[in-house]
Structure formats: C-alpha cells, structure tokens
Protein backbone atom coordinates (compact mmCIF):
# COMPACT_ATOMS: atom_id res chain seq x y z
CA UNK A 1 102.27 126.28 101.71
CA UNK A 2 99.21 127.93 100.14
CA UNK A 3 99.71 129.67 96.78
CA UNK A 4 99.59 132.97 97.50
CA UNK A 5 102.85 132.50 100.40
CA UNK A 6 104.47 130.55 97.59
CA UNK A 7 103.83 133.34 95.02
CA UNK A 8 104.65 135.75 97.91
CA UNK A 9 108.15 133.92 98.71
CA UNK A 10 108.78 133.73 94.61
CA UNK A 11 108.58 137.52 93.95
CA UNK A 12 110.19 138.47 97.00
CA UNK A 13 113.39 136.20 96.42
CA UNK A 14 113.76 137.11 92.83
CA UNK A 15 112.75 140.67 93.18
CA UNK A 16 115.32 141.44 95.91
CA UNK A 17 117.97 139.18 93.42
CA UNK A 18 117.44 141.79 90.20
CA UNK A 19 117.43 144.58 92.52
CA UNK A 20 121.05 143.63 93.75
CA UNK A 21 121.74 143.03 90.33
CA UNK A 22 120.80 146.44 89.16
CA UNK A 23 122.68 148.33 91.96
CA UNK A 24 125.58 146.54 91.16
CA UNK A 25 125.29 147.79 87.60
CA UNK A 26 124.67 151.07 88.50
CA UNK A 27 127.65 151.26 91.17
CA UNK A 28 129.59 150.07 87.74
CA UNK A 29 129.07 153.42 85.79
CA UNK A 30 130.17 156.71 86.62
CA UNK A 31 127.06 159.28 86.52
CA UNK A 32 129.43 162.14 87.77
CA UNK A 33 131.03 165.06 85.64
CA UNK A 34 134.08 164.13 87.08
CA UNK A 35 136.43 161.83 85.50
CA UNK A 36 137.30 158.37 86.58
CA UNK A 37 140.57 158.26 88.56
CA UNK A 38 140.25 162.15 89.28
CA UNK A 39 139.41 163.52 93.07
CA UNK A 40 136.01 164.23 93.64
CA UNK A 41 134.48 167.67 95.17
CA UNK A 42 135.02 167.26 98.72
CA UNK A 43 137.23 165.81 101.62
CA UNK A 44 136.92 165.26 105.24
CA UNK A 45 140.07 165.48 107.81
CA UNK A 46 142.53 165.82 104.98
CA UNK A 47 141.29 162.49 103.03
CA UNK A 48 140.30 163.16 99.43
CA UNK A 49 137.97 160.74 97.85
CA UNK A 50 138.77 159.53 94.38
CA UNK A 51 136.02 158.45 91.15
CA UNK A 52 137.61 155.24 91.22
CA UNK A 53 135.54 152.40 89.70
CA UNK A 54 134.62 149.17 91.78
CA UNK A 55 137.51 147.00 91.94
CA UNK A 56 137.17 144.23 88.92
CA UNK A 57 137.42 141.09 91.37
CA UNK A 58 134.45 142.41 93.43
CA UNK A 59 132.44 142.80 90.51
CA UNK A 60 133.49 139.48 89.24
CA UNK A 61 132.65 137.82 92.86
CA UNK A 62 129.36 139.30 92.59
CA UNK A 63 128.29 138.29 89.54
CA UNK A 64 129.65 134.20 90.28
CA UNK A 65 127.31 134.67 93.61
CA UNK A 66 123.94 135.86 91.42
CA UNK A 67 124.61 133.06 88.89
CA UNK A 68 124.98 130.24 91.88
CA UNK A 69 122.03 131.84 93.41
CA UNK A 70 119.99 131.29 90.11
CA UNK A 71 121.60 128.13 89.67
CA UNK A 72 120.90 126.69 93.41
CA UNK A 73 116.89 128.02 93.32
CA UNK A 74 116.49 125.76 90.01
CA UNK A 75 118.16 122.68 91.16
CA UNK A 76 116.88 122.76 95.01
CA UNK A 77 113.92 123.80 96.77
CA UNK A 78 113.59 127.21 97.94
CA UNK A 79 111.22 129.13 96.04
CA UNK A 80 107.99 128.75 97.73
CA UNK A 81 106.32 125.55 96.74
CA UNK A 82 108.57 124.92 93.60
CA UNK A 83 110.60 121.40 94.49
CA UNK A 84 113.87 121.85 92.47
CA UNK A 85 114.91 120.38 89.46
CA UNK A 86 116.65 117.75 91.06
CA UNK A 87 114.00 116.42 93.29
CA UNK A 88 115.71 116.67 96.22
CA UNK A 89 114.87 117.42 99.75
CA UNK A 90 116.36 117.69 103.10
CA UNK A 91 113.23 115.20 104.53
CA UNK A 92 110.02 114.32 104.27
CA UNK A 93 107.34 116.81 105.74
CA UNK A 94 104.39 116.78 107.56
CA UNK A 95 105.10 113.21 109.01
CA UNK A 96 102.69 112.24 111.75
CA UNK A 97 103.48 108.41 112.62
CA UNK A 98 106.37 105.97 112.28
CA UNK A 99 104.23 104.18 109.48
CA UNK A 100 103.65 107.52 107.60
CA UNK A 101 107.81 108.01 107.51
CA UNK A 102 108.27 104.49 106.25
CA UNK A 103 105.86 104.69 103.47
CA UNK A 104 106.95 108.60 102.49
CA UNK A 105 110.55 106.57 102.46
CA UNK A 106 109.35 103.80 100.56
CA UNK A 107 107.36 106.35 98.13
CA UNK A 108 110.76 108.68 97.55
CA UNK A 109 113.19 106.01 97.17
CA UNK A 110 110.48 104.51 94.59
CA UNK A 111 110.00 107.57 92.42
CA UNK A 112 113.87 108.18 92.37
CA UNK A 113 113.93 111.32 94.76
CA UNK A 114 116.64 112.73 96.78
CA UNK A 115 115.66 112.62 100.28
CA UNK A 116 118.52 113.70 102.36
CA UNK A 117 117.40 112.24 105.81
CA UNK A 118 116.32 108.85 104.08
CA UNK A 119 119.98 108.62 102.90
CA UNK A 120 121.31 109.17 106.09
CA UNK A 121 119.62 106.70 107.91
CA UNK A 122 120.68 104.08 105.37
CA UNK A 123 123.93 104.84 105.27
CA UNK A 124 124.16 104.56 108.95
CA UNK A 125 121.95 101.48 108.90
CA UNK A 126 125.04 100.15 106.73
CA UNK A 127 127.43 101.19 108.62
CA UNK A 128 126.39 100.53 112.00
CA UNK A 129 123.90 97.59 111.67
CA UNK A 130 126.25 95.04 111.73
CA UNK A 131 127.81 96.48 115.04
CA UNK A 132 124.59 96.52 116.61
CA UNK A 133 123.95 92.53 115.16
CA UNK A 134 127.02 91.69 116.96
CA UNK A 135 126.09 92.83 120.42
CA UNK A 136 122.93 91.58 119.97
CA UNK A 137 124.12 88.02 120.11
CA UNK A 138 125.85 88.46 123.62
CA UNK A 139 123.81 88.29 126.66
CA UNK A 140 123.08 91.78 128.26
CA UNK A 141 124.75 90.71 131.81
CA UNK A 142 128.28 90.13 129.47
CA UNK A 143 127.19 93.47 127.25
CA UNK A 144 127.12 95.37 130.51
CA UNK A 145 131.08 95.00 130.95
CA UNK A 146 131.81 95.77 127.53
CA UNK A 147 133.17 99.05 127.93
CA UNK A 148 132.66 99.67 123.73
CA UNK A 149 128.84 98.69 123.93
CA UNK A 150 128.19 101.08 127.36
CA UNK A 151 129.62 103.73 125.57
CA UNK A 152 127.31 103.52 122.34
CA UNK A 153 124.51 102.48 124.74
CA UNK A 154 125.03 105.75 127.23
CA UNK A 155 124.76 107.55 123.67
CA UNK A 156 121.54 106.24 122.73
CA UNK A 157 120.43 106.79 126.05
CA UNK A 158 121.03 110.44 126.06
CA UNK A 159 119.38 110.83 122.85
CA UNK A 160 116.07 108.95 123.33
CA UNK A 161 115.44 108.08 127.54
CA UNK A 162 117.42 111.19 129.14
CA UNK A 163 114.12 113.67 128.49
CA UNK A 164 112.24 111.73 130.94
CA UNK A 165 114.77 109.72 132.97
CA UNK A 166 117.65 112.66 132.91
CA UNK A 167 121.33 112.87 131.42
CA UNK A 168 122.23 110.68 134.70
CA UNK A 169 119.28 108.55 134.80
CA UNK A 170 118.52 109.52 138.13
CA UNK A 171 114.85 110.08 136.95
CA UNK A 172 112.39 112.68 138.74
CA UNK A 173 109.03 113.19 139.92
CA UNK A 174 106.96 110.49 137.95
CA UNK A 175 110.19 109.29 136.43
CA UNK A 176 111.89 106.27 137.75
CA UNK A 177 115.55 106.42 138.90
CA UNK A 178 117.36 103.87 136.87
CA UNK A 179 120.31 103.81 139.20
CA UNK A 180 119.22 102.65 142.52
CA UNK A 181 118.11 98.90 141.92
CA UNK A 182 114.43 99.84 142.96
CA UNK A 183 112.24 98.51 139.97
CA UNK A 184 108.65 98.30 139.53
CA UNK A 185 108.79 95.64 136.60
CA UNK A 186 111.88 93.98 138.10
CA UNK A 187 115.58 95.09 137.06
CA UNK A 188 116.95 91.73 135.82
CA UNK A 189 117.86 91.89 132.06
CA UNK A 190 114.82 90.58 130.32
CA UNK A 191 112.33 92.72 132.58
CA UNK A 192 114.55 95.90 131.39
CA UNK A 193 114.66 95.05 127.82
CA UNK A 194 110.77 94.17 127.91
CA UNK A 195 110.09 97.55 129.00
CA UNK A 196 111.80 99.54 126.98
CA UNK A 197 110.41 97.09 123.69
CA UNK A 198 107.06 97.29 124.73
CA UNK A 199 106.61 99.98 126.92
CA UNK A 200 104.61 100.09 130.60
CA UNK A 201 101.30 101.33 131.23
CA UNK A 202 101.33 101.95 135.24
CA UNK A 203 97.67 102.78 136.63
CA UNK A 204 96.88 103.51 139.83
CA UNK A 205 93.16 103.76 140.71
CA UNK A 206 91.17 107.11 142.34
CA UNK A 207 89.72 106.45 145.75
CA UNK A 208 88.63 109.95 146.14
CA UNK A 209 84.92 108.75 145.53
CA UNK A 210 86.09 105.75 147.86
CA UNK A 211 87.11 107.16 150.61
CA UNK A 212 86.24 110.28 152.46
CA UNK A 213 89.09 113.14 152.68
CA UNK A 214 89.56 111.81 156.46
CA UNK A 215 89.86 108.08 155.27
CA UNK A 216 92.26 109.11 152.63
CA UNK A 217 94.62 111.12 155.33
CA UNK A 218 94.27 108.07 157.54
CA UNK A 219 95.34 105.51 155.22
CA UNK A 220 98.04 107.92 153.76
CA UNK A 221 99.40 107.88 157.42
CA UNK A 222 99.48 104.14 157.57
CA UNK A 223 101.12 103.92 154.18
CA UNK A 224 104.25 106.29 155.27
CA UNK A 225 104.11 104.14 158.34
CA UNK A 226 105.23 101.04 156.44
CA UNK A 227 108.56 102.36 155.51
CA UNK A 228 109.06 103.26 158.96
CA UNK A 229 108.48 106.88 159.45
CA UNK A 230 106.78 108.01 162.83
CA UNK A 231 103.26 108.76 162.35
CA UNK A 232 99.95 109.64 164.72
CA UNK A 233 99.34 106.08 165.91
CA UNK A 234 95.69 106.85 165.61
CA UNK A 235 95.57 107.63 162.39
CA UNK A 236 97.82 104.36 161.45
CA UNK A 237 95.67 102.07 162.72
CA UNK A 238 92.67 103.86 161.30
CA UNK A 239 94.30 103.95 157.91
CA UNK A 240 95.20 99.76 158.57
CA UNK A 241 91.42 98.83 158.44
CA UNK A 242 91.42 100.30 154.92
CA UNK A 243 94.49 99.11 153.68
CA UNK A 244 92.72 96.00 152.22
CA UNK A 245 91.55 97.85 149.34
CA UNK A 246 95.05 98.64 148.38
CA UNK A 247 96.54 94.98 149.22
CA UNK A 248 95.02 93.72 146.05
CA UNK A 249 98.16 95.40 144.05
CA UNK A 250 100.66 95.93 146.72
CA UNK A 251 100.14 93.00 148.78
CA UNK A 252 98.95 92.76 152.43
CA UNK A 253 102.56 93.71 153.55
CA UNK A 254 102.74 96.70 151.24
CA UNK A 255 105.95 95.29 149.44
CA UNK A 256 104.44 95.79 146.07
CA UNK A 257 104.17 93.22 142.95
CA UNK A 258 106.28 93.67 140.37
CA UNK A 259 103.98 91.49 137.76
CA UNK A 260 101.79 94.37 138.10
CA UNK A 261 104.01 97.33 138.21
CA UNK A 262 102.69 98.17 141.86
CA UNK A 263 105.76 99.75 143.90
CA UNK A 264 106.67 98.56 147.32
CA UNK A 265 105.49 100.86 149.83
CA UNK A 266 108.01 99.68 152.52
CA UNK A 267 111.04 100.95 150.96
CA UNK A 268 110.61 104.66 151.46
CA UNK A 269 111.50 105.32 147.32
CA UNK A 270 108.42 107.15 146.26
CA UNK A 271 107.88 108.00 142.40
CA UNK A 272 105.44 110.93 143.11
CA UNK A 273 106.97 112.22 146.10
CA UNK A 274 106.50 110.93 149.52
CA UNK A 275 105.29 113.71 151.68
CA UNK A 276 101.90 113.12 153.09
CA UNK A 277 100.20 115.49 151.12
CA UNK A 278 101.62 113.79 147.86
CA UNK A 279 100.74 110.17 149.44
CA UNK A 280 96.91 111.48 149.75
CA UNK A 281 96.96 113.28 146.41
CA UNK A 282 98.11 109.58 144.89
CA UNK A 283 95.17 107.89 146.56
CA UNK A 284 92.76 110.41 145.81
CA UNK A 285 93.37 111.19 142.09
CA UNK A 286 95.35 108.00 141.15
CA UNK A 287 98.33 108.18 138.87
CA UNK A 288 98.54 107.08 135.24
CA UNK A 289 102.44 106.51 134.20
CA UNK A 290 103.15 105.84 130.55
CA UNK A 291 106.21 104.54 129.37
CA UNK A 292 106.22 104.55 125.47
CA UNK A 293 107.29 101.23 123.50
CA UNK A 294 110.69 101.85 121.61
CA UNK A 295 110.58 98.74 119.70
CA UNK A 296 109.29 100.40 116.41
CA UNK A 297 111.32 103.22 116.81
CA UNK A 298 114.84 101.86 117.76
CA UNK A 299 114.70 98.58 116.45
CA UNK A 300 115.31 95.45 118.96
CA UNK A 301 119.04 95.47 118.67
CA UNK A 302 119.64 98.86 119.72
CA UNK A 303 117.33 98.26 122.66
CA UNK A 304 119.45 95.41 123.25
CA UNK A 305 122.55 97.93 124.06
CA UNK A 306 120.74 100.24 125.59
CA UNK A 307 119.26 97.28 128.07
CA UNK A 308 122.91 96.63 129.09
CA UNK A 309 123.86 100.21 129.53
CA UNK A 310 120.70 100.42 131.88
CA UNK A 311 121.65 97.34 133.67
CA UNK A 312 124.95 98.32 134.00
CA UNK A 313 123.58 101.55 135.73
CA UNK A 314 122.35 99.44 139.01
CA UNK A 315 124.31 96.33 138.67
CA UNK A 316 126.31 95.82 142.13
CA UNK A 317 128.53 92.89 140.58
C-alpha cells in the first residue's frame, strides 16, 4: 500500500472515531432551556417528548467500545501500513509461489512474528500428520476399502481436485472422468498416485498444416469409425490411408498407448468431445492438457489417501 493511501486510511479511521466521541459527549449535555426530566415543547400523537439524559449503561458501553477500538488499532494491523505492536497478521501477503510461502513462514518464525495462517498449518500438521503417516503405510488397494480413509480422501479431493474433475469426479470437456475405468496413463494404484504426485503433460500434435481440410475430414471419419460408429465408407477408406501418422502414438489399431497418455480411439470415450467437428478440431489444432503436480502442495502422505479415494471410484471389486 502506498504512503498516500496508508495516511488516508489512518486519518479517516481515527477522524471518524473522534467524531463519534464528540457526538457522544454532545448528546450527554443539555443544550436546551428545559431542565432535565421536564417535558419538551412538542408532542406527537399524544406522546410528549421528555428531556431525559442518555442512559448511563448505554454511555458506558459506548466508552468501552471506543477504548477497545483504540487498543485494537494499536495492537493489530488495521491502520494503513502500521503492523501493530503485537507483530500479528492473518497471513503472509503477496506470496507468488510455494517456495516464497515457505521462506516467509520461516522468516516469520525466526523473527518471532505471529502469523495466524502459519500457526494453523503447524497445529494441523501436529494433529493430523500422524494420521496421514499411518494411512501412508497401508497399500492403496487396502486403503480403498477403509471407510474412514475414504472420507478423508473425499474431503481432500473436493478441496483440491473438484475444480477440474467435478465434485462427483465425472470430469467435463478436457477433464477426465475418474469414475469410468478409462485411463489415459493407467488406472492401477501406482499410476494414479504418480499422476497426482508429478502431474501429467498431455500433448496432441496439430496437423492443420500437414493435412488439407478435406483430409482432416476424412481422417476424423475414420477415427470415429474405430469405435463402431456408422460413417461414410468412402470418407473412412480415404482417412485410413493417413492414419499411419496417428498410429505412432495411438497404435495401428487405435487402442492408444498409456505410456504416452495417447487415448484409446476405439472405446467411444472422448476427452474433448466425440462429434465429427470436435474430432476435426482436435486433429487440426491439437490439444495440450496439463495435470498439475501436487507433490509440493499436499505432500506424499495426503496424496496417498487421495489416490486411494480416486482408485475406489472406478474399482469394480
């Protein structure tokens, strides 16, 4: 915050408090010619106004609020850039990365500052860390049948994964459905955990410059036919000749390659949509899907529990 805005906030806040104090004192004094406890010069609907002083309990409460207000502003941040006498703040501000967050947390601890968020994180690690460590000792296949662990994994999933995959984990266009047992990189427990730990970078090359629009239409029809859909035989046959370029990743039979994250084109499951227009768009412009790495954000123990939850969503056993 600039010095100008800091000074503006300080003047505005303190000025308002002093105005309210003056207003209270003004109302405590009798500025009329009528003695306190006597009737005023006007009435309304049979109700006569009395010149009574403010109730003592009411004024004492106001004075107490003013006193607390000044104490609070002195101890805690609130007046512009003034950080308060206690050195307390809710969190480290202007953090741009996890590394900066860790550095700021360590610096605050070394300098004896009270950062509420940091303290909450440490308390949570002390309380729940042993629980996650115990879960991490169990195989994911076993953990996937532990109801308590699945409840924890579901909460972690909703907090960190639902933004992309949905609260029901059924995904959306460009975001995989985690409940249908169709996996780009494999659905075994170690595959799922690796995806969450290290992230994935899916890259479908663009062929818009290599093929003409007609060739892309033909290729799209051939790809659609691989999943048993009825397409124009002439277009399918023409597209088959150019599929050799695609087979390097998707295989000669179009069943994909989980080592590369290349989708199976024969199962009629489409990450970006299976209409002819969408398939043409994918072939022409390519796709670049990113699954972020969560290892540095959540830690391996929490990811172990999330992996068990995700595995349970499509585990048929």
